[in-house]
Amino acid sequence: MTDEKTLDIVLDVKVKVTVQLGSVQLPMRDVLELTAGSIVQLQQHASDPVGLFVNDKLVAYGEVVVIEDNFGIKITELVGSAKA
């Protein structure tokens, strides 16, 4: 089997893609007090890159972009692709 045919086998496999904008640790007391309109301050600056995860594995970093009325991510760095 050639490499191309081997790759064809997995091209239609669905994976979970997640973009992590930031995170924060809160006491359960604060979580229970959250209501519609509550603001949770993340431990990340607006200029920091966001993480792109595939099946919970970090694969890239990027910048949040707005395209028409939708959010997207512009990939700026692939993890493990840094050139020595």
Protein backbone atom coordinates (compact mmCIF):
# COMPACT_ATOMS: atom_id res chain seq x y z
CA MET A 1 0.00 0.00 0.00
CA THR A 2 1.40 3.41 -0.93
CA ASP A 3 1.67 6.30 1.51
CA GLU A 4 -1.08 8.15 -0.36
CA LYS A 5 -3.52 5.25 0.00
CA THR A 6 -2.58 4.87 3.66
CA LEU A 7 -3.39 8.53 4.27
CA ASP A 8 -6.71 8.25 2.40
CA ILE A 9 -7.91 5.79 5.05
CA VAL A 10 -7.86 8.45 7.79
CA LEU A 11 -8.79 11.62 5.89
CA ASP A 12 -12.52 11.28 6.72
CA VAL A 13 -12.05 10.36 10.39
CA LYS A 14 -13.73 12.98 12.59
CA VAL A 15 -11.64 14.52 15.38
CA LYS A 16 -12.50 17.00 18.12
CA VAL A 17 -10.90 20.40 17.45
CA THR A 18 -10.83 22.86 20.36
CA VAL A 19 -9.47 26.40 20.63
CA GLN A 20 -8.51 27.38 24.17
CA LEU A 21 -8.82 31.10 24.65
CA GLY A 22 -7.67 30.98 28.25
CA SER A 23 -8.39 29.46 31.63
CA VAL A 24 -8.83 30.33 35.27
CA GLN A 25 -9.19 28.44 38.54
CA LEU A 26 -12.14 29.45 40.68
CA PRO A 27 -13.41 28.22 44.02
CA MET A 28 -16.67 26.27 43.65
CA ARG A 29 -18.37 29.04 45.66
CA ASP A 30 -17.62 31.51 42.85
CA VAL A 31 -18.70 29.06 40.15
CA LEU A 32 -22.07 28.56 41.85
CA GLU A 33 -22.58 32.33 41.92
CA LEU A 34 -22.17 32.71 38.13
CA THR A 35 -25.26 33.95 36.33
CA ALA A 36 -26.09 35.15 32.83
CA GLY A 37 -23.98 38.26 32.23
CA SER A 38 -21.27 37.28 34.73
CA ILE A 39 -17.73 38.07 33.60
CA VAL A 40 -14.93 35.60 34.29
CA GLN A 41 -11.47 37.10 33.92
CA LEU A 42 -9.11 34.65 32.24
CA GLN A 43 -5.42 34.30 33.09
CA GLN A 44 -4.41 35.37 29.60
CA HIS A 45 -3.86 38.69 27.87
CA ALA A 46 -5.79 39.62 24.74
CA SER A 47 -2.53 39.67 22.74
CA ASP A 48 -1.46 36.16 23.85
CA PRO A 49 -1.79 33.36 21.29
CA VAL A 50 -4.61 30.83 21.72
CA GLY A 51 -4.02 27.08 21.70
CA LEU A 52 -5.44 24.79 18.99
CA PHE A 53 -6.04 21.26 20.27
CA VAL A 54 -6.93 18.16 18.26
CA ASN A 55 -8.37 15.40 20.44
CA ASP A 56 -7.00 17.23 23.52
CA LYS A 57 -3.44 17.38 22.12
CA LEU A 58 -1.91 20.83 21.52
CA VAL A 59 -0.97 21.07 17.84
CA ALA A 60 -0.71 24.81 17.12
CA TYR A 61 -0.95 28.37 18.37
CA GLY A 62 -2.81 31.15 16.65
CA GLU A 63 -4.55 34.50 16.75
CA VAL A 64 -8.29 34.97 17.05
CA VAL A 65 -9.77 36.63 13.96
CA VAL A 66 -13.28 37.76 13.07
CA ILE A 67 -14.57 36.85 9.62
CA GLU A 68 -17.91 38.54 8.96
CA ASP A 69 -19.90 37.53 12.06
CA ASN A 70 -17.83 34.44 12.89
CA PHE A 71 -14.75 33.84 14.98
CA GLY A 72 -11.80 31.96 13.53
CA ILE A 73 -8.18 31.25 14.30
CA LYS A 74 -5.18 32.19 12.17
CA ILE A 75 -2.44 29.60 12.76
CA THR A 76 0.84 31.31 13.66
CA GLU A 77 2.92 28.37 14.91
CA LEU A 78 2.71 24.60 14.67
CA VAL A 79 3.84 22.84 17.85
CA GLY A 80 7.05 20.93 17.34
CA SER A 81 7.83 22.69 14.08
CA ALA A 82 10.39 25.12 15.49
CA LYS A 83 13.53 25.06 13.39
CA ALA A 84 16.78 24.55 15.29
